Amino acid sequence: LHRTLGLGLSSEEQQILFKGFSATRRDGAMNYRDCLRSLCGPTSENRQVLVDRLFDVLSDGQDVVSAETLKAEFDARNAPPCLLGLMNEKQMCSDFCDAVDFFGGNAGFDADRFAEFFHLFSALHPEEDEFRFMTTAAFGLSVGGTSGHGGA
């Protein structure tokens, strides 16, 4: 987590963070989801609008976006790490699919879980343009707001 988010924490700060998020658990492990929520901070209203629009397109009128749909609609070539040359397409696709499986599993994503999932991407992509690409072009949607997606 420390390496992925590039937090720049000292060893002592990492220990404090771990102790804080493991304090309520009896197994000595930290609550990963609580930790992510805290580290990511709030999602701006503009970003939430992008996430809500993506959910509407991918859910196609249903209450849930399946993990399989989310993975199938993702085009790594149009994700910021690939567009910026920071990651190759195969690795980006693998990392994204692993994250979908971890956070969505077999249950998929209702609107709240979907928002929580993209909340992580909001923290990983601090630049507005990067996040916009992650919630539009990476799923076949026009960056300007109209959909290139077959269902919309």
C-alpha atoms as a PDB file:
ATOM      1  CA  LEU A   1       0.000   0.000   0.000  1.00  0.00           C
ATOM      2  CA  HIS A   2       2.790   2.370   0.938  1.00  0.00           C
ATOM      3  CA  ARG A   3       4.626   1.760  -2.354  1.00  0.00           C
ATOM      4  CA  THR A   4       1.490   1.800  -4.526  1.00  0.00           C
ATOM      5  CA  LEU A   5       0.179   5.086  -3.194  1.00  0.00           C
ATOM      6  CA  GLY A   6       3.649   6.633  -2.882  1.00  0.00           C
ATOM      7  CA  LEU A   7       2.888   7.897   0.597  1.00  0.00           C
ATOM      8  CA  GLY A   8       6.482   8.716   1.546  1.00  0.00           C
ATOM      9  CA  LEU A   9       6.002   7.486   5.104  1.00  0.00           C
ATOM     10  CA  SER A  10       8.910   6.747   7.424  1.00  0.00           C
ATOM     11  CA  SER A  11       9.126   3.312   9.075  1.00  0.00           C
ATOM     12  CA  GLU A  12       7.791   4.813  12.288  1.00  0.00           C
ATOM     13  CA  GLU A  13       4.847   6.418  10.509  1.00  0.00           C
ATOM     14  CA  GLN A  14       4.043   3.121   8.787  1.00  0.00           C
ATOM     15  CA  GLN A  15       4.036   1.381  12.188  1.00  0.00           C
ATOM     16  CA  ILE A  16       1.719   4.009  13.689  1.00  0.00           C
ATOM     17  CA  LEU A  17      -0.655   3.694  10.744  1.00  0.00           C
ATOM     18  CA  PHE A  18      -0.719  -0.097  10.993  1.00  0.00           C
ATOM     19  CA  LYS A  19      -1.298  -0.034  14.745  1.00  0.00           C
ATOM     20  CA  GLY A  20      -4.150   2.420  14.345  1.00  0.00           C
ATOM     21  CA  PHE A  21      -5.945   0.322  11.741  1.00  0.00           C
ATOM     22  CA  SER A  22      -5.340  -2.971  13.540  1.00  0.00           C
ATOM     23  CA  ALA A  23      -6.416  -1.772  17.001  1.00  0.00           C
ATOM     24  CA  THR A  24     -10.005  -3.033  16.657  1.00  0.00           C
ATOM     25  CA  ARG A  25      -9.061  -6.427  15.252  1.00  0.00           C
ATOM     26  CA  ARG A  26      -8.300  -9.500  17.292  1.00  0.00           C
ATOM     27  CA  ASP A  27      -6.248 -11.212  14.591  1.00  0.00           C
ATOM     28  CA  GLY A  28      -3.514  -8.531  14.499  1.00  0.00           C
ATOM     29  CA  ALA A  29      -4.305  -7.556  10.924  1.00  0.00           C
ATOM     30  CA  MET A  30      -5.344  -4.096   9.859  1.00  0.00           C
ATOM     31  CA  ASN A  31      -8.686  -3.286   8.288  1.00  0.00           C
ATOM     32  CA  TYR A  32      -7.530  -2.629   4.731  1.00  0.00           C
ATOM     33  CA  ARG A  33     -10.766  -1.016   3.530  1.00  0.00           C
ATOM     34  CA  ASP A  34     -10.870   1.400   6.471  1.00  0.00           C
ATOM     35  CA  CYS A  35      -7.250   2.269   5.830  1.00  0.00           C
ATOM     36  CA  LEU A  36      -7.907   2.987   2.149  1.00  0.00           C
ATOM     37  CA  ARG A  37     -10.934   5.150   2.961  1.00  0.00           C
ATOM     38  CA  SER A  38      -8.870   7.224   5.361  1.00  0.00           C
ATOM     39  CA  LEU A  39      -5.860   7.563   3.100  1.00  0.00           C
ATOM     40  CA  CYS A  40      -7.850   8.498   0.011  1.00  0.00           C
ATOM     41  CA  GLY A  41      -9.716  11.401   1.569  1.00  0.00           C
ATOM     42  CA  PRO A  42     -12.972  12.743   0.149  1.00  0.00           C
ATOM     43  CA  THR A  43     -13.991  12.543  -3.505  1.00  0.00           C
ATOM     44  CA  SER A  44     -14.840  15.873  -5.101  1.00  0.00           C
ATOM     45  CA  GLU A  45     -18.328  16.478  -6.450  1.00  0.00           C
ATOM     46  CA  ASN A  46     -17.003  16.689 -10.033  1.00  0.00           C
ATOM     47  CA  ARG A  47     -15.306  13.316  -9.699  1.00  0.00           C
ATOM     48  CA  GLN A  48     -18.383  11.764  -8.119  1.00  0.00           C
ATOM     49  CA  VAL A  49     -20.429  12.904 -11.128  1.00  0.00           C
ATOM     50  CA  LEU A  50     -17.996  11.050 -13.421  1.00  0.00           C
ATOM     51  CA  VAL A  51     -18.228   7.910 -11.271  1.00  0.00           C
ATOM     52  CA  ASP A  52     -22.030   8.065 -11.147  1.00  0.00           C
ATOM     53  CA  ARG A  53     -22.224   8.463 -14.920  1.00  0.00           C
ATOM     54  CA  LEU A  54     -19.898   5.503 -15.454  1.00  0.00           C
ATOM     55  CA  PHE A  55     -21.995   3.390 -13.069  1.00  0.00           C
ATOM     56  CA  ASP A  56     -25.164   4.320 -14.978  1.00  0.00           C
ATOM     57  CA  VAL A  57     -23.613   3.302 -18.293  1.00  0.00           C
ATOM     58  CA  LEU A  58     -22.086   0.038 -17.069  1.00  0.00           C
ATOM     59  CA  SER A  59     -25.059  -1.031 -14.953  1.00  0.00           C
ATOM     60  CA  ASP A  60     -27.352  -0.649 -17.963  1.00  0.00           C
ATOM     61  CA  GLY A  61     -30.384   0.074 -15.786  1.00  0.00           C
ATOM     62  CA  GLN A  62     -29.574  -2.573 -13.172  1.00  0.00           C
ATOM     63  CA  ASP A  63     -28.649  -1.995  -9.515  1.00  0.00           C
ATOM     64  CA  VAL A  64     -25.250  -3.687  -9.862  1.00  0.00           C
ATOM     65  CA  VAL A  65     -22.254  -3.685 -12.191  1.00  0.00           C
ATOM     66  CA  SER A  66     -20.856  -7.189 -12.304  1.00  0.00           C
ATOM     67  CA  ALA A  67     -17.134  -7.688 -11.846  1.00  0.00           C
ATOM     68  CA  GLU A  68     -17.057  -9.373 -15.247  1.00  0.00           C
ATOM     69  CA  THR A  69     -18.695  -6.370 -16.928  1.00  0.00           C
ATOM     70  CA  LEU A  70     -16.296  -3.958 -15.263  1.00  0.00           C
ATOM     71  CA  LYS A  71     -13.291  -6.011 -16.389  1.00  0.00           C
ATOM     72  CA  ALA A  72     -14.636  -6.597 -19.902  1.00  0.00           C
ATOM     73  CA  GLU A  73     -15.381  -2.914 -20.532  1.00  0.00           C
ATOM     74  CA  PHE A  74     -11.991  -1.723 -19.264  1.00  0.00           C
ATOM     75  CA  ASP A  75      -9.575  -0.744 -22.043  1.00  0.00           C
ATOM     76  CA  ALA A  76      -6.131  -0.452 -20.472  1.00  0.00           C
ATOM     77  CA  ARG A  77      -4.754   1.360 -23.536  1.00  0.00           C
ATOM     78  CA  ASN A  78      -6.839   4.387 -22.538  1.00  0.00           C
ATOM     79  CA  ALA A  79      -6.012   4.300 -18.818  1.00  0.00           C
ATOM     80  CA  PRO A  80      -3.736   7.080 -17.543  1.00  0.00           C
ATOM     81  CA  PRO A  81      -0.754   4.852 -16.579  1.00  0.00           C
ATOM     82  CA  CYS A  82      -0.626   3.502 -20.150  1.00  0.00           C
ATOM     83  CA  LEU A  83      -1.317   6.861 -21.814  1.00  0.00           C
ATOM     84  CA  LEU A  84       1.487   8.430 -19.783  1.00  0.00           C
ATOM     85  CA  GLY A  85       3.870   5.555 -20.490  1.00  0.00           C
ATOM     86  CA  LEU A  86       4.158   4.620 -16.818  1.00  0.00           C
ATOM     87  CA  MET A  87       2.844   1.073 -17.235  1.00  0.00           C
ATOM     88  CA  ASN A  88       2.360  -1.330 -20.099  1.00  0.00           C
ATOM     89  CA  GLU A  89      -1.127  -2.360 -21.175  1.00  0.00           C
ATOM     90  CA  LYS A  90      -0.830  -5.975 -20.024  1.00  0.00           C
ATOM     91  CA  GLN A  91       0.291  -5.028 -16.497  1.00  0.00           C
ATOM     92  CA  MET A  92      -2.383  -2.321 -16.189  1.00  0.00           C
ATOM     93  CA  CYS A  93      -5.098  -4.750 -17.260  1.00  0.00           C
ATOM     94  CA  SER A  94      -3.844  -7.381 -14.821  1.00  0.00           C
ATOM     95  CA  ASP A  95      -3.661  -4.906 -11.930  1.00  0.00           C
ATOM     96  CA  PHE A  96      -7.133  -3.548 -12.692  1.00  0.00           C
ATOM     97  CA  CYS A  97      -8.681  -7.029 -12.906  1.00  0.00           C
ATOM     98  CA  ASP A  98      -7.008  -8.039  -9.638  1.00  0.00           C
ATOM     99  CA  ALA A  99      -8.434  -4.929  -7.957  1.00  0.00           C
ATOM    100  CA  VAL A 100     -11.913  -5.641  -9.356  1.00  0.00           C
ATOM    101  CA  ASP A 101     -11.756  -9.198  -8.040  1.00  0.00           C
ATOM    102  CA  PHE A 102     -10.518  -8.049  -4.623  1.00  0.00           C
ATOM    103  CA  PHE A 103     -13.086  -5.299  -4.120  1.00  0.00           C
ATOM    104  CA  GLY A 104     -16.042  -6.731  -6.046  1.00  0.00           C
ATOM    105  CA  GLY A 105     -15.588 -10.463  -5.941  1.00  0.00           C
ATOM    106  CA  ASN A 106     -18.622 -12.446  -6.998  1.00  0.00           C
ATOM    107  CA  ALA A 107     -21.034  -9.843  -5.637  1.00  0.00           C
ATOM    108  CA  GLY A 108     -20.124  -7.155  -8.126  1.00  0.00           C
ATOM    109  CA  PHE A 109     -20.588  -3.489  -7.372  1.00  0.00           C
ATOM    110  CA  ASP A 110     -23.717  -1.712  -6.245  1.00  0.00           C
ATOM    111  CA  ALA A 111     -23.600   2.092  -6.510  1.00  0.00           C
ATOM    112  CA  ASP A 112     -21.912   2.486  -3.114  1.00  0.00           C
ATOM    113  CA  ARG A 113     -19.258  -0.175  -3.704  1.00  0.00           C
ATOM    114  CA  PHE A 114     -18.656   1.189  -7.191  1.00  0.00           C
ATOM    115  CA  ALA A 115     -18.110   4.683  -5.759  1.00  0.00           C
ATOM    116  CA  GLU A 116     -15.782   3.263  -3.100  1.00  0.00           C
ATOM    117  CA  PHE A 117     -13.797   1.377  -5.750  1.00  0.00           C
ATOM    118  CA  PHE A 118     -13.324   4.492  -7.867  1.00  0.00           C
ATOM    119  CA  HIS A 119     -12.542   6.491  -4.738  1.00  0.00           C
ATOM    120  CA  LEU A 120      -9.251   4.594  -4.724  1.00  0.00           C
ATOM    121  CA  PHE A 121      -8.586   5.618  -8.324  1.00  0.00           C
ATOM    122  CA  SER A 122      -9.337   9.196  -7.361  1.00  0.00           C
ATOM    123  CA  ALA A 123      -6.470   9.043  -4.864  1.00  0.00           C
ATOM    124  CA  LEU A 124      -4.173   7.317  -7.357  1.00  0.00           C
ATOM    125  CA  HIS A 125      -4.896   9.925 -10.045  1.00  0.00           C
ATOM    126  CA  PRO A 126      -4.669  13.350  -8.408  1.00  0.00           C
ATOM    127  CA  GLU A 127      -4.734  15.205 -11.725  1.00  0.00           C
ATOM    128  CA  GLU A 128      -8.265  15.942 -12.928  1.00  0.00           C
ATOM    129  CA  ASP A 129      -7.479  14.906 -16.506  1.00  0.00           C
ATOM    130  CA  GLU A 130      -6.052  11.567 -15.387  1.00  0.00           C
ATOM    131  CA  PHE A 131      -9.110  10.739 -13.312  1.00  0.00           C
ATOM    132  CA  ARG A 132     -11.430  11.827 -16.125  1.00  0.00           C
ATOM    133  CA  PHE A 133      -9.643   9.434 -18.506  1.00  0.00           C
ATOM    134  CA  MET A 134      -9.902   6.656 -15.902  1.00  0.00           C
ATOM    135  CA  THR A 135     -13.692   7.092 -15.718  1.00  0.00           C
ATOM    136  CA  THR A 136     -14.361   7.799 -19.406  1.00  0.00           C
ATOM    137  CA  ALA A 137     -11.888   6.775 -22.125  1.00  0.00           C
ATOM    138  CA  ALA A 138     -10.745   3.700 -20.191  1.00  0.00           C
ATOM    139  CA  PHE A 139     -14.330   2.427 -20.558  1.00  0.00           C
ATOM    140  CA  GLY A 140     -15.082   3.582 -24.088  1.00  0.00           C
ATOM    141  CA  LEU A 141     -16.792   6.804 -23.056  1.00  0.00           C
ATOM    142  CA  SER A 142     -16.008  10.105 -24.662  1.00  0.00           C
ATOM    143  CA  VAL A 143     -13.928  12.367 -22.458  1.00  0.00           C
ATOM    144  CA  GLY A 144     -16.303  15.203 -23.302  1.00  0.00           C
ATOM    145  CA  GLY A 145     -19.272  13.475 -21.731  1.00  0.00           C
ATOM    146  CA  THR A 146     -21.077  11.530 -24.433  1.00  0.00           C
ATOM    147  CA  SER A 147     -20.784   7.801 -24.608  1.00  0.00           C
ATOM    148  CA  GLY A 148     -19.046   5.663 -27.163  1.00  0.00           C
ATOM    149  CA  HIS A 149     -20.317   2.651 -25.209  1.00  0.00           C
ATOM    150  CA  GLY A 150     -22.801   0.427 -26.989  1.00  0.00           C
ATOM    151  CA  GLY A 151     -25.323   0.506 -24.150  1.00  0.00           C
ATOM    152  CA  ALA A 152     -25.640   4.267 -23.852  1.00  0.00           C
END
